[in-house]
Amino acid sequence: RDLLSPGKHPFYEHSKVQLFLAFAGDRITGRIAAIHNRNH
């Protein structure tokens, strides 16, 4: 949870992450993170 939370992990001092969840009705069926690693 901390790794995925801006303000709690230093990765977000230089980069951005957007998380996505896939739903089939109310059921979660997948997840992914899109990551802009500016330092890289």
Full PDB file with SEQRES, HELIX, SHEET, SSBOND, CRYST1, ORIGX, SCALE, CONECT and MASTER records, all heavy atoms in Angstrom:
SEQRES   1 A   40  ARG ASP LEU LEU SER PRO GLY LYS HIS PRO PHE TYR GLU          
SEQRES   2 A   40  HIS SER LYS VAL GLN LEU PHE LEU ALA PHE ALA GLY ASP          
SEQRES   3 A   40  ARG ILE THR GLY ARG ILE ALA ALA ILE HIS ASN ARG ASN          
SEQRES   4 A   40  HIS                                                          
HELIX    1 AA1 PRO A   10  GLU A   13  5                                   4    
SHEET    1 AA1 2 LYS A  16  ALA A  24  0                                        
SHEET    2 AA1 2 ARG A  27  HIS A  36 -1                                        
CRYST1    1.000    1.000    1.000  90.00  90.00  90.00 P 1           1          
ORIGX1      1.000000  0.000000  0.000000        0.00000                         
ORIGX2      0.000000  1.000000  0.000000        0.00000                         
ORIGX3      0.000000  0.000000  1.000000        0.00000                         
SCALE1      1.000000  0.000000  0.000000        0.00000                         
SCALE2      0.000000  1.000000  0.000000        0.00000                         
SCALE3      0.000000  0.000000  1.000000        0.00000                         
ATOM      1  N   ARG A   1       0.833  -1.207   0.000  1.00  0.00           N  
ATOM      2  CA  ARG A   1       0.000   0.000   0.000  1.00  0.00           C  
ATOM      3  C   ARG A   1       0.869   1.259   0.000  1.00  0.00           C  
ATOM      4  O   ARG A   1       0.598   2.213  -0.736  1.00  0.00           O  
ATOM      5  CB  ARG A   1      -0.921  -0.007   1.223  1.00  0.00           C  
ATOM      6  CG  ARG A   1      -1.961   1.121   1.211  1.00  0.00           C  
ATOM      7  CD  ARG A   1      -2.834   1.044   2.435  1.00  0.00           C  
ATOM      8  NE  ARG A   1      -2.038   1.206   3.650  1.00  0.00           N  
ATOM      9  CZ  ARG A   1      -2.507   0.975   4.886  1.00  0.00           C  
ATOM     10  NH1 ARG A   1      -3.744   0.550   5.047  1.00  0.00           N  
ATOM     11  NH2 ARG A   1      -1.729   1.147   5.934  1.00  0.00           N  
ATOM     12  N   ASP A   2       1.943   1.251   0.802  1.00  0.00           N  
ATOM     13  CA  ASP A   2       2.844   2.409   0.829  1.00  0.00           C  
ATOM     14  C   ASP A   2       3.571   2.577  -0.503  1.00  0.00           C  
ATOM     15  O   ASP A   2       3.767   3.703  -0.977  1.00  0.00           O  
ATOM     16  CB  ASP A   2       3.860   2.263   1.965  1.00  0.00           C  
ATOM     17  CG  ASP A   2       3.240   2.494   3.332  1.00  0.00           C  
ATOM     18  OD1 ASP A   2       2.042   2.869   3.397  1.00  0.00           O  
ATOM     19  OD2 ASP A   2       3.937   2.283   4.346  1.00  0.00           O  
ATOM     20  N   LEU A   3       3.976   1.455  -1.111  1.00  0.00           N  
ATOM     21  CA  LEU A   3       4.674   1.502  -2.388  1.00  0.00           C  
ATOM     22  C   LEU A   3       3.811   2.135  -3.474  1.00  0.00           C  
ATOM     23  O   LEU A   3       4.318   2.750  -4.410  1.00  0.00           O  
ATOM     24  CB  LEU A   3       5.091   0.082  -2.802  1.00  0.00           C  
ATOM     25  CG  LEU A   3       5.823  -0.099  -4.138  1.00  0.00           C  
ATOM     26  CD1 LEU A   3       7.118   0.704  -4.156  1.00  0.00           C  
ATOM     27  CD2 LEU A   3       6.112  -1.576  -4.387  1.00  0.00           C  
ATOM     28  N   LEU A   4       2.497   2.013  -3.337  1.00  0.00           N  
ATOM     29  CA  LEU A   4       1.567   2.507  -4.346  1.00  0.00           C  
ATOM     30  C   LEU A   4       0.929   3.838  -3.955  1.00  0.00           C  
ATOM     31  O   LEU A   4      -0.030   4.273  -4.605  1.00  0.00           O  
ATOM     32  CB  LEU A   4       0.481   1.460  -4.597  1.00  0.00           C  
ATOM     33  CG  LEU A   4       0.984   0.157  -5.252  1.00  0.00           C  
ATOM     34  CD1 LEU A   4      -0.055  -0.945  -5.145  1.00  0.00           C  
ATOM     35  CD2 LEU A   4       1.365   0.395  -6.696  1.00  0.00           C  
ATOM     36  N   SER A   5       1.462   4.473  -2.914  1.00  0.00           N  
ATOM     37  CA  SER A   5       0.855   5.702  -2.397  1.00  0.00           C  
ATOM     38  C   SER A   5       1.786   6.901  -2.546  1.00  0.00           C  
ATOM     39  O   SER A   5       2.804   6.968  -1.843  1.00  0.00           O  
ATOM     40  CB  SER A   5       0.487   5.532  -0.920  1.00  0.00           C  
ATOM     41  OG  SER A   5      -0.434   4.485  -0.730  1.00  0.00           O  
ATOM     42  N   PRO A   6       1.465   7.836  -3.450  1.00  0.00           N  
ATOM     43  CA  PRO A   6       2.249   9.072  -3.520  1.00  0.00           C  
ATOM     44  C   PRO A   6       2.285   9.752  -2.154  1.00  0.00           C  
ATOM     45  O   PRO A   6       1.277   9.818  -1.448  1.00  0.00           O  
ATOM     46  CB  PRO A   6       1.474   9.914  -4.546  1.00  0.00           C  
ATOM     47  CG  PRO A   6       0.765   8.904  -5.392  1.00  0.00           C  
ATOM     48  CD  PRO A   6       0.393   7.787  -4.456  1.00  0.00           C  
ATOM     49  N   GLY A   7       3.468  10.233  -1.789  1.00  0.00           N  
ATOM     50  CA  GLY A   7       3.616  10.863  -0.477  1.00  0.00           C  
ATOM     51  C   GLY A   7       4.183   9.924   0.563  1.00  0.00           C  
ATOM     52  O   GLY A   7       4.703  10.367   1.585  1.00  0.00           O  
ATOM     53  N   LYS A   8       4.112   8.615   0.293  1.00  0.00           N  
ATOM     54  CA  LYS A   8       4.647   7.640   1.247  1.00  0.00           C  
ATOM     55  C   LYS A   8       5.905   6.947   0.731  1.00  0.00           C  
ATOM     56  O   LYS A   8       6.679   6.405   1.507  1.00  0.00           O  
ATOM     57  CB  LYS A   8       3.578   6.599   1.594  1.00  0.00           C  
ATOM     58  CG  LYS A   8       2.453   7.174   2.424  1.00  0.00           C  
ATOM     59  CD  LYS A   8       1.601   6.071   3.041  1.00  0.00           C  
ATOM     60  CE  LYS A   8       0.561   6.655   3.983  1.00  0.00           C  
ATOM     61  NZ  LYS A   8      -0.240   5.598   4.655  1.00  0.00           N  
ATOM     62  N   HIS A   9       6.094   6.942  -0.572  1.00  0.00           N  
ATOM     63  CA  HIS A   9       7.268   6.295  -1.153  1.00  0.00           C  
ATOM     64  C   HIS A   9       8.040   7.317  -1.988  1.00  0.00           C  
ATOM     65  O   HIS A   9       7.437   8.089  -2.761  1.00  0.00           O  
ATOM     66  CB  HIS A   9       6.855   5.113  -2.032  1.00  0.00           C  
ATOM     67  CG  HIS A   9       7.990   4.216  -2.392  1.00  0.00           C  
ATOM     68  ND1 HIS A   9       8.891   4.542  -3.384  1.00  0.00           N  
ATOM     69  CD2 HIS A   9       8.397   3.022  -1.894  1.00  0.00           C  
ATOM     70  CE1 HIS A   9       9.794   3.577  -3.492  1.00  0.00           C  
ATOM     71  NE2 HIS A   9       9.521   2.640  -2.594  1.00  0.00           N  
ATOM     72  N   PRO A  10       9.379   7.338  -1.869  1.00  0.00           N  
ATOM     73  CA  PRO A  10      10.174   8.359  -2.570  1.00  0.00           C  
ATOM     74  C   PRO A  10      10.166   8.257  -4.090  1.00  0.00           C  
ATOM     75  O   PRO A  10      10.601   9.197  -4.767  1.00  0.00           O  
ATOM     76  CB  PRO A  10      11.587   8.157  -2.006  1.00  0.00           C  
ATOM     77  CG  PRO A  10      11.596   6.784  -1.417  1.00  0.00           C  
ATOM     78  CD  PRO A  10      10.205   6.527  -0.954  1.00  0.00           C  
ATOM     79  N   PHE A  11       9.681   7.154  -4.657  1.00  0.00           N  
ATOM     80  CA  PHE A  11       9.595   7.036  -6.112  1.00  0.00           C  
ATOM     81  C   PHE A  11       8.765   8.173  -6.701  1.00  0.00           C  
ATOM     82  O   PHE A  11       9.040   8.664  -7.797  1.00  0.00           O  
ATOM     83  CB  PHE A  11       8.977   5.680  -6.479  1.00  0.00           C  
ATOM     84  CG  PHE A  11       8.842   5.435  -7.964  1.00  0.00           C  
ATOM     85  CD1 PHE A  11       9.942   5.071  -8.720  1.00  0.00           C  
ATOM     86  CD2 PHE A  11       7.615   5.562  -8.602  1.00  0.00           C  
ATOM     87  CE1 PHE A  11       9.828   4.841 -10.095  1.00  0.00           C  
ATOM     88  CE2 PHE A  11       7.488   5.333  -9.967  1.00  0.00           C  
ATOM     89  CZ  PHE A  11       8.604   4.971 -10.711  1.00  0.00           C  
ATOM     90  N   TYR A  12       7.758   8.618  -5.942  1.00  0.00           N  
ATOM     91  CA  TYR A  12       6.833   9.627  -6.455  1.00  0.00           C  
ATOM     92  C   TYR A  12       7.397  11.045  -6.361  1.00  0.00           C  
ATOM     93  O   TYR A  12       6.751  11.989  -6.814  1.00  0.00           O  
ATOM     94  CB  TYR A  12       5.498   9.529  -5.715  1.00  0.00           C  
ATOM     95  CG  TYR A  12       4.875   8.161  -5.867  1.00  0.00           C  
ATOM     96  CD1 TYR A  12       5.095   7.163  -4.924  1.00  0.00           C  
ATOM     97  CD2 TYR A  12       4.105   7.853  -6.986  1.00  0.00           C  
ATOM     98  CE1 TYR A  12       4.549   5.895  -5.074  1.00  0.00           C  
ATOM     99  CE2 TYR A  12       3.559   6.590  -7.150  1.00  0.00           C  
ATOM    100  CZ  TYR A  12       3.788   5.615  -6.195  1.00  0.00           C  
ATOM    101  OH  TYR A  12       3.259   4.366  -6.354  1.00  0.00           O  
ATOM    102  N   GLU A  13       8.588  11.177  -5.813  1.00  0.00           N  
ATOM    103  CA  GLU A  13       9.237  12.483  -5.799  1.00  0.00           C  
ATOM    104  C   GLU A  13       9.697  12.875  -7.205  1.00  0.00           C  
ATOM    105  O   GLU A  13       9.919  14.050  -7.484  1.00  0.00           O  
ATOM    106  CB  GLU A  13      10.426  12.477  -4.834  1.00  0.00           C  
ATOM    107  CG  GLU A  13      10.019  12.335  -3.371  1.00  0.00           C  
ATOM    108  CD  GLU A  13      11.221  12.188  -2.449  1.00  0.00           C  
ATOM    109  OE1 GLU A  13      12.362  12.275  -2.948  1.00  0.00           O  
ATOM    110  OE2 GLU A  13      11.017  11.972  -1.239  1.00  0.00           O  
ATOM    111  N   HIS A  14       9.846  11.870  -8.081  1.00  0.00           N  
ATOM    112  CA  HIS A  14      10.293  12.159  -9.442  1.00  0.00           C  
ATOM    113  C   HIS A  14       9.427  11.523 -10.524  1.00  0.00           C  
ATOM    114  O   HIS A  14       9.621  11.811 -11.707  1.00  0.00           O  
ATOM    115  CB  HIS A  14      11.748  11.703  -9.630  1.00  0.00           C  
ATOM    116  CG  HIS A  14      11.995  10.245  -9.336  1.00  0.00           C  
ATOM    117  ND1 HIS A  14      11.632   9.244 -10.195  1.00  0.00           N  
ATOM    118  CD2 HIS A  14      12.571   9.630  -8.270  1.00  0.00           C  
ATOM    119  CE1 HIS A  14      11.974   8.070  -9.678  1.00  0.00           C  
ATOM    120  NE2 HIS A  14      12.552   8.283  -8.515  1.00  0.00           N  
ATOM    121  N   SER A  15       8.481  10.667 -10.160  1.00  0.00           N  
ATOM    122  CA  SER A  15       7.740   9.923 -11.176  1.00  0.00           C  
ATOM    123  C   SER A  15       6.256   9.835 -10.846  1.00  0.00           C  
ATOM    124  O   SER A  15       5.823  10.203  -9.756  1.00  0.00           O  
ATOM    125  CB  SER A  15       8.338   8.517 -11.335  1.00  0.00           C  
ATOM    126  OG  SER A  15       9.662   8.605 -11.821  1.00  0.00           O  
ATOM    127  N   LYS A  16       5.483   9.333 -11.805  1.00  0.00           N  
ATOM    128  CA  LYS A  16       4.028   9.235 -11.660  1.00  0.00           C  
ATOM    129  C   LYS A  16       3.557   7.813 -11.946  1.00  0.00           C  
ATOM    130  O   LYS A  16       4.135   7.113 -12.778  1.00  0.00           O  
ATOM    131  CB  LYS A  16       3.327  10.178 -12.652  1.00  0.00           C  
ATOM    132  CG  LYS A  16       3.495  11.649 -12.378  1.00  0.00           C  
ATOM    133  CD  LYS A  16       2.891  12.485 -13.502  1.00  0.00           C  
ATOM    134  CE  LYS A  16       1.383  12.319 -13.617  1.00  0.00           C  
ATOM    135  NZ  LYS A  16       0.821  13.199 -14.685  1.00  0.00           N  
ATOM    136  N   VAL A  17       2.487   7.423 -11.266  1.00  0.00           N  
ATOM    137  CA  VAL A  17       1.870   6.113 -11.479  1.00  0.00           C  
ATOM    138  C   VAL A  17       0.360   6.286 -11.490  1.00  0.00           C  
ATOM    139  O   VAL A  17      -0.200   6.999 -10.656  1.00  0.00           O  
ATOM    140  CB  VAL A  17       2.260   5.115 -10.360  1.00  0.00           C  
ATOM    141  CG1 VAL A  17       1.509   3.794 -10.534  1.00  0.00           C  
ATOM    142  CG2 VAL A  17       3.759   4.865 -10.346  1.00  0.00           C  
ATOM    143  N   GLN A  18      -0.295   5.629 -12.441  1.00  0.00           N  
ATOM    144  CA  GLN A  18      -1.755   5.562 -12.435  1.00  0.00           C  
ATOM    145  C   GLN A  18      -2.179   4.097 -12.397  1.00  0.00           C  
ATOM    146  O   GLN A  18      -1.754   3.291 -13.231  1.00  0.00           O  
ATOM    147  CB  GLN A  18      -2.356   6.236 -13.671  1.00  0.00           C  
ATOM    148  CG  GLN A  18      -3.876   6.152 -13.740  1.00  0.00           C  
ATOM    149  CD  GLN A  18      -4.561   6.815 -12.553  1.00  0.00           C  
ATOM    150  OE1 GLN A  18      -4.385   8.002 -12.309  1.00  0.00           O  
ATOM    151  NE2 GLN A  18      -5.340   6.043 -11.801  1.00  0.00           N  
ATOM    152  N   LEU A  19      -2.993   3.761 -11.410  1.00  0.00           N  
ATOM    153  CA  LEU A  19      -3.469   2.393 -11.239  1.00  0.00           C  
ATOM    154  C   LEU A  19      -4.846   2.235 -11.878  1.00  0.00           C  
ATOM    155  O   LEU A  19      -5.659   3.165 -11.884  1.00  0.00           O  
ATOM    156  CB  LEU A  19      -3.570   2.044  -9.750  1.00  0.00           C  
ATOM    157  CG  LEU A  19      -2.328   2.339  -8.891  1.00  0.00           C  
ATOM    158  CD1 LEU A  19      -2.606   1.974  -7.425  1.00  0.00           C  
ATOM    159  CD2 LEU A  19      -1.125   1.585  -9.412  1.00  0.00           C  
ATOM    160  N   PHE A  20      -5.093   1.024 -12.403  1.00  0.00           N  
ATOM    161  CA  PHE A  20      -6.386   0.714 -13.011  1.00  0.00           C  
ATOM    162  C   PHE A  20      -6.888  -0.632 -12.503  1.00  0.00           C  
ATOM    163  O   PHE A  20      -6.100  -1.558 -12.289  1.00  0.00           O  
ATOM    164  CB  PHE A  20      -6.271   0.644 -14.542  1.00  0.00           C  
ATOM    165  CG  PHE A  20      -5.909   1.943 -15.194  1.00  0.00           C  
ATOM    166  CD1 PHE A  20      -4.579   2.251 -15.464  1.00  0.00           C  
ATOM    167  CD2 PHE A  20      -6.893   2.868 -15.551  1.00  0.00           C  
ATOM    168  CE1 PHE A  20      -4.230   3.446 -16.076  1.00  0.00           C  
ATOM    169  CE2 PHE A  20      -6.544   4.063 -16.166  1.00  0.00           C  
ATOM    170  CZ  PHE A  20      -5.209   4.359 -16.420  1.00  0.00           C  
ATOM    171  N   LEU A  21      -8.196  -0.736 -12.346  1.00  0.00           N  
ATOM    172  CA  LEU A  21      -8.858  -1.989 -11.986  1.00  0.00           C  
ATOM    173  C   LEU A  21      -9.884  -2.348 -13.059  1.00  0.00           C  
ATOM    174  O   LEU A  21     -10.590  -1.472 -13.570  1.00  0.00           O  
ATOM    175  CB  LEU A  21      -9.577  -1.871 -10.642  1.00  0.00           C  
ATOM    176  CG  LEU A  21      -8.720  -1.927  -9.382  1.00  0.00           C  
ATOM    177  CD1 LEU A  21      -9.544  -1.558  -8.147  1.00  0.00           C  
ATOM    178  CD2 LEU A  21      -8.094  -3.311  -9.210  1.00  0.00           C  
ATOM    179  N   ALA A  22      -9.960  -3.634 -13.379  1.00  0.00           N  
ATOM    180  CA  ALA A  22     -10.972  -4.136 -14.307  1.00  0.00           C  
ATOM    181  C   ALA A  22     -12.113  -4.751 -13.505  1.00  0.00           C  
ATOM    182  O   ALA A  22     -11.877  -5.499 -12.541  1.00  0.00           O  
ATOM    183  CB  ALA A  22     -10.377  -5.163 -15.252  1.00  0.00           C  
ATOM    184  N   PHE A  23     -13.341  -4.430 -13.893  1.00  0.00           N  
ATOM    185  CA  PHE A  23     -14.526  -4.942 -13.210  1.00  0.00           C  
ATOM    186  C   PHE A  23     -15.422  -5.691 -14.191  1.00  0.00           C  
ATOM    187  O   PHE A  23     -15.609  -5.251 -15.332  1.00  0.00           O  
ATOM    188  CB  PHE A  23     -15.343  -3.793 -12.609  1.00  0.00           C  
ATOM    189  CG  PHE A  23     -14.659  -3.053 -11.489  1.00  0.00           C  
ATOM    190  CD1 PHE A  23     -13.805  -1.998 -11.763  1.00  0.00           C  
ATOM    191  CD2 PHE A  23     -14.877  -3.409 -10.160  1.00  0.00           C  
ATOM    192  CE1 PHE A  23     -13.179  -1.296 -10.745  1.00  0.00           C  
ATOM    193  CE2 PHE A  23     -14.261  -2.719  -9.132  1.00  0.00           C  
ATOM    194  CZ  PHE A  23     -13.410  -1.656  -9.419  1.00  0.00           C  
ATOM    195  N   ALA A  24     -15.975  -6.801 -13.735  1.00  0.00           N  
ATOM    196  CA  ALA A  24     -17.070  -7.477 -14.425  1.00  0.00           C  
ATOM    197  C   ALA A  24     -18.237  -7.404 -13.452  1.00  0.00           C  
ATOM    198  O   ALA A  24     -18.333  -8.203 -12.516  1.00  0.00           O  
ATOM    199  CB  ALA A  24     -16.720  -8.920 -14.755  1.00  0.00           C  
ATOM    200  N   GLY A  25     -19.083  -6.428 -13.625  1.00  0.00           N  
ATOM    201  CA  GLY A  25     -20.089  -6.147 -12.606  1.00  0.00           C  
ATOM    202  C   GLY A  25     -19.400  -5.586 -11.369  1.00  0.00           C  
ATOM    203  O   GLY A  25     -18.611  -4.644 -11.454  1.00  0.00           O  
ATOM    204  N   ASP A  26     -19.647  -6.203 -10.222  1.00  0.00           N  
ATOM    205  CA  ASP A  26     -18.999  -5.768  -8.984  1.00  0.00           C  
ATOM    206  C   ASP A  26     -17.702  -6.525  -8.717  1.00  0.00           C  
ATOM    207  O   ASP A  26     -16.982  -6.218  -7.764  1.00  0.00           O  
ATOM    208  CB  ASP A  26     -19.954  -5.968  -7.793  1.00  0.00           C  
ATOM    209  CG  ASP A  26     -21.163  -5.048  -7.870  1.00  0.00           C  
ATOM    210  OD1 ASP A  26     -21.014  -3.953  -8.453  1.00  0.00           O  
ATOM    211  OD2 ASP A  26     -22.232  -5.420  -7.364  1.00  0.00           O  
ATOM    212  N   ARG A  27     -17.404  -7.517  -9.554  1.00  0.00           N  
ATOM    213  CA  ARG A  27     -16.241  -8.377  -9.314  1.00  0.00           C  
ATOM    214  C   ARG A  27     -15.013  -7.825 -10.022  1.00  0.00           C  
ATOM    215  O   ARG A  27     -15.044  -7.489 -11.198  1.00  0.00           O  
ATOM    216  CB  ARG A  27     -16.542  -9.796  -9.819  1.00  0.00           C  
ATOM    217  CG  ARG A  27     -15.425 -10.813  -9.557  1.00  0.00           C  
ATOM    218  CD  ARG A  27     -15.905 -12.215  -9.897  1.00  0.00           C  
ATOM    219  NE  ARG A  27     -16.104 -12.386 -11.318  1.00  0.00           N  
ATOM    220  CZ  ARG A  27     -15.210 -12.926 -12.164  1.00  0.00           C  
ATOM    221  NH1 ARG A  27     -14.032 -13.335 -11.693  1.00  0.00           N  
ATOM    222  NH2 ARG A  27     -15.485 -13.062 -13.443  1.00  0.00           N  
ATOM    223  N   ILE A  28     -13.897  -7.740  -9.285  1.00  0.00           N  
ATOM    224  CA  ILE A  28     -12.633  -7.309  -9.885  1.00  0.00           C  
ATOM    225  C   ILE A  28     -12.027  -8.480 -10.650  1.00  0.00           C  
ATOM    226  O   ILE A  28     -11.927  -9.590 -10.137  1.00  0.00           O  
ATOM    227  CB  ILE A  28     -11.652  -6.804  -8.807  1.00  0.00           C  
ATOM    228  CG1 ILE A  28     -12.215  -5.559  -8.134  1.00  0.00           C  
ATOM    229  CG2 ILE A  28     -10.288  -6.500  -9.414  1.00  0.00           C  
ATOM    230  CD1 ILE A  28     -11.390  -5.067  -6.962  1.00  0.00           C  
ATOM    231  N   THR A  29     -11.608  -8.210 -11.881  1.00  0.00           N  
ATOM    232  CA  THR A  29     -11.058  -9.279 -12.723  1.00  0.00           C  
ATOM    233  C   THR A  29      -9.623  -9.003 -13.188  1.00  0.00           C  
ATOM    234  O   THR A  29      -9.023  -9.850 -13.849  1.00  0.00           O  
ATOM    235  CB  THR A  29     -11.949  -9.483 -13.964  1.00  0.00           C  
ATOM    236  OG1 THR A  29     -12.100  -8.222 -14.641  1.00  0.00           O  
ATOM    237  CG2 THR A  29     -13.333 -10.007 -13.554  1.00  0.00           C  
ATOM    238  N   GLY A  30      -9.087  -7.849 -12.834  1.00  0.00           N  
ATOM    239  CA  GLY A  30      -7.715  -7.566 -13.233  1.00  0.00           C  
ATOM    240  C   GLY A  30      -7.239  -6.231 -12.693  1.00  0.00           C  
ATOM    241  O   GLY A  30      -8.022  -5.406 -12.214  1.00  0.00           O  
ATOM    242  N   ARG A  31      -5.928  -6.024 -12.782  1.00  0.00           N  
ATOM    243  CA  ARG A  31      -5.328  -4.757 -12.351  1.00  0.00           C  
ATOM    244  C   ARG A  31      -4.072  -4.485 -13.176  1.00  0.00           C  
ATOM    245  O   ARG A  31      -3.469  -5.417 -13.731  1.00  0.00           O  
ATOM    246  CB  ARG A  31      -4.977  -4.797 -10.866  1.00  0.00           C  
ATOM    247  CG  ARG A  31      -3.827  -5.732 -10.543  1.00  0.00           C  
ATOM    248  CD  ARG A  31      -3.385  -5.639  -9.087  1.00  0.00           C  
ATOM    249  NE  ARG A  31      -2.086  -6.297  -8.901  1.00  0.00           N  
ATOM    250  CZ  ARG A  31      -1.356  -6.244  -7.784  1.00  0.00           C  
ATOM    251  NH1 ARG A  31      -1.807  -5.558  -6.738  1.00  0.00           N  
ATOM    252  NH2 ARG A  31      -0.190  -6.861  -7.716  1.00  0.00           N  
ATOM    253  N   ILE A  32      -3.683  -3.225 -13.255  1.00  0.00           N  
ATOM    254  CA  ILE A  32      -2.440  -2.845 -13.923  1.00  0.00           C  
ATOM    255  C   ILE A  32      -2.043  -1.449 -13.446  1.00  0.00           C  
ATOM    256  O   ILE A  32      -2.902  -0.656 -13.032  1.00  0.00           O  
ATOM    257  CB  ILE A  32      -2.601  -2.870 -15.464  1.00  0.00           C  
ATOM    258  CG1 ILE A  32      -1.239  -2.934 -16.157  1.00  0.00           C  
ATOM    259  CG2 ILE A  32      -3.392  -1.663 -15.956  1.00  0.00           C  
ATOM    260  CD1 ILE A  32      -1.329  -3.231 -17.655  1.00  0.00           C  
ATOM    261  N   ALA A  33      -0.754  -1.163 -13.502  1.00  0.00           N  
ATOM    262  CA  ALA A  33      -0.246   0.175 -13.218  1.00  0.00           C  
ATOM    263  C   ALA A  33       0.443   0.710 -14.464  1.00  0.00           C  
ATOM    264  O   ALA A  33       1.224   0.004 -15.105  1.00  0.00           O  
ATOM    265  CB  ALA A  33       0.738   0.133 -12.052  1.00  0.00           C  
ATOM    266  N   ALA A  34       0.139   1.959 -14.811  1.00  0.00           N  
ATOM    267  CA  ALA A  34       0.859   2.687 -15.856  1.00  0.00           C  
ATOM    268  C   ALA A  34       1.855   3.598 -15.153  1.00  0.00           C  
ATOM    269  O   ALA A  34       1.488   4.339 -14.236  1.00  0.00           O  
ATOM    270  CB  ALA A  34      -0.116   3.489 -16.708  1.00  0.00           C  
ATOM    271  N   ILE A  35       3.123   3.538 -15.576  1.00  0.00           N  
ATOM    272  CA  ILE A  35       4.202   4.175 -14.817  1.00  0.00           C  
ATOM    273  C   ILE A  35       5.026   5.087 -15.719  1.00  0.00           C  
ATOM    274  O   ILE A  35       5.564   4.654 -16.745  1.00  0.00           O  
ATOM    275  CB  ILE A  35       5.114   3.094 -14.192  1.00  0.00           C  
ATOM    276  CG1 ILE A  35       4.303   2.150 -13.305  1.00  0.00           C  
ATOM    277  CG2 ILE A  35       6.257   3.728 -13.402  1.00  0.00           C  
ATOM    278  CD1 ILE A  35       4.922   0.783 -13.140  1.00  0.00           C  
ATOM    279  N   HIS A  36       5.120   6.354 -15.318  1.00  0.00           N  
ATOM    280  CA  HIS A  36       5.997   7.304 -15.999  1.00  0.00           C  
ATOM    281  C   HIS A  36       7.201   7.523 -15.099  1.00  0.00           C  
ATOM    282  O   HIS A  36       7.158   8.331 -14.165  1.00  0.00           O  
ATOM    283  CB  HIS A  36       5.264   8.622 -16.259  1.00  0.00           C  
ATOM    284  CG  HIS A  36       6.076   9.613 -17.043  1.00  0.00           C  
ATOM    285  ND1 HIS A  36       5.593  10.833 -17.460  1.00  0.00           N  
ATOM    286  CD2 HIS A  36       7.367   9.554 -17.514  1.00  0.00           C  
ATOM    287  CE1 HIS A  36       6.526  11.482 -18.118  1.00  0.00           C  
ATOM    288  NE2 HIS A  36       7.614  10.732 -18.162  1.00  0.00           N  
ATOM    289  N   ASN A  37       8.276   6.785 -15.377  1.00  0.00           N  
ATOM    290  CA  ASN A  37       9.506   6.868 -14.586  1.00  0.00           C  
ATOM    291  C   ASN A  37      10.399   7.939 -15.214  1.00  0.00           C  
ATOM    292  O   ASN A  37      11.182   7.676 -16.117  1.00  0.00           O  
ATOM    293  CB  ASN A  37      10.209   5.508 -14.570  1.00  0.00           C  
ATOM    294  CG  ASN A  37      11.398   5.474 -13.629  1.00  0.00           C  
ATOM    295  OD1 ASN A  37      11.994   6.494 -13.319  1.00  0.00           O  
ATOM    296  ND2 ASN A  37      11.758   4.284 -13.175  1.00  0.00           N  
ATOM    297  N   ARG A  38      10.254   9.155 -14.702  1.00  0.00           N  
ATOM    298  CA  ARG A  38      10.983  10.286 -15.300  1.00  0.00           C  
ATOM    299  C   ARG A  38      12.494  10.118 -15.134  1.00  0.00           C  
ATOM    300  O   ARG A  38      13.267  10.489 -16.032  1.00  0.00           O  
ATOM    301  CB  ARG A  38      10.519  11.592 -14.655  1.00  0.00           C  
ATOM    302  CG  ARG A  38       9.071  11.973 -14.980  1.00  0.00           C  
ATOM    303  CD  ARG A  38       8.806  13.423 -14.576  1.00  0.00           C  
ATOM    304  NE  ARG A  38       7.416  13.807 -14.801  1.00  0.00           N  
ATOM    305  CZ  ARG A  38       6.482  13.788 -13.861  1.00  0.00           C  
ATOM    306  NH1 ARG A  38       6.782  13.388 -12.637  1.00  0.00           N  
ATOM    307  NH2 ARG A  38       5.246  14.173 -14.130  1.00  0.00           N  
ATOM    308  N   ASN A  39      12.932   9.584 -14.008  1.00  0.00           N  
ATOM    309  CA  ASN A  39      14.374   9.386 -13.808  1.00  0.00           C  
ATOM    310  C   ASN A  39      14.957   8.453 -14.852  1.00  0.00           C  
ATOM    311  O   ASN A  39      16.055   8.673 -15.369  1.00  0.00           O  
ATOM    312  CB  ASN A  39      14.646   8.839 -12.399  1.00  0.00           C  
ATOM    313  CG  ASN A  39      14.810   9.952 -11.376  1.00  0.00           C  
ATOM    314  OD1 ASN A  39      14.528  11.109 -11.655  1.00  0.00           O  
ATOM    315  ND2 ASN A  39      15.260   9.593 -10.181  1.00  0.00           N  
ATOM    316  N   HIS A  40      14.219   7.386 -15.162  1.00  0.00           N  
ATOM    317  CA  HIS A  40      14.657   6.437 -16.194  1.00  0.00           C  
ATOM    318  C   HIS A  40      14.823   7.153 -17.522  1.00  0.00           C  
ATOM    319  O   HIS A  40      15.861   7.014 -18.207  1.00  0.00           O  
ATOM    320  CB  HIS A  40      13.631   5.311 -16.316  1.00  0.00           C  
ATOM    321  CG  HIS A  40      13.793   4.463 -17.543  1.00  0.00           C  
ATOM    322  ND1 HIS A  40      14.576   3.333 -17.576  1.00  0.00           N  
ATOM    323  CD2 HIS A  40      13.275   4.599 -18.795  1.00  0.00           C  
ATOM    324  CE1 HIS A  40      14.539   2.805 -18.795  1.00  0.00           C  
ATOM    325  NE2 HIS A  40      13.757   3.554 -19.551  1.00  0.00           N  
TER     326      HIS A  40                                                      
MASTER        0    0    0    1    2    0    0    6  325    1    0    4          
END                                                                             
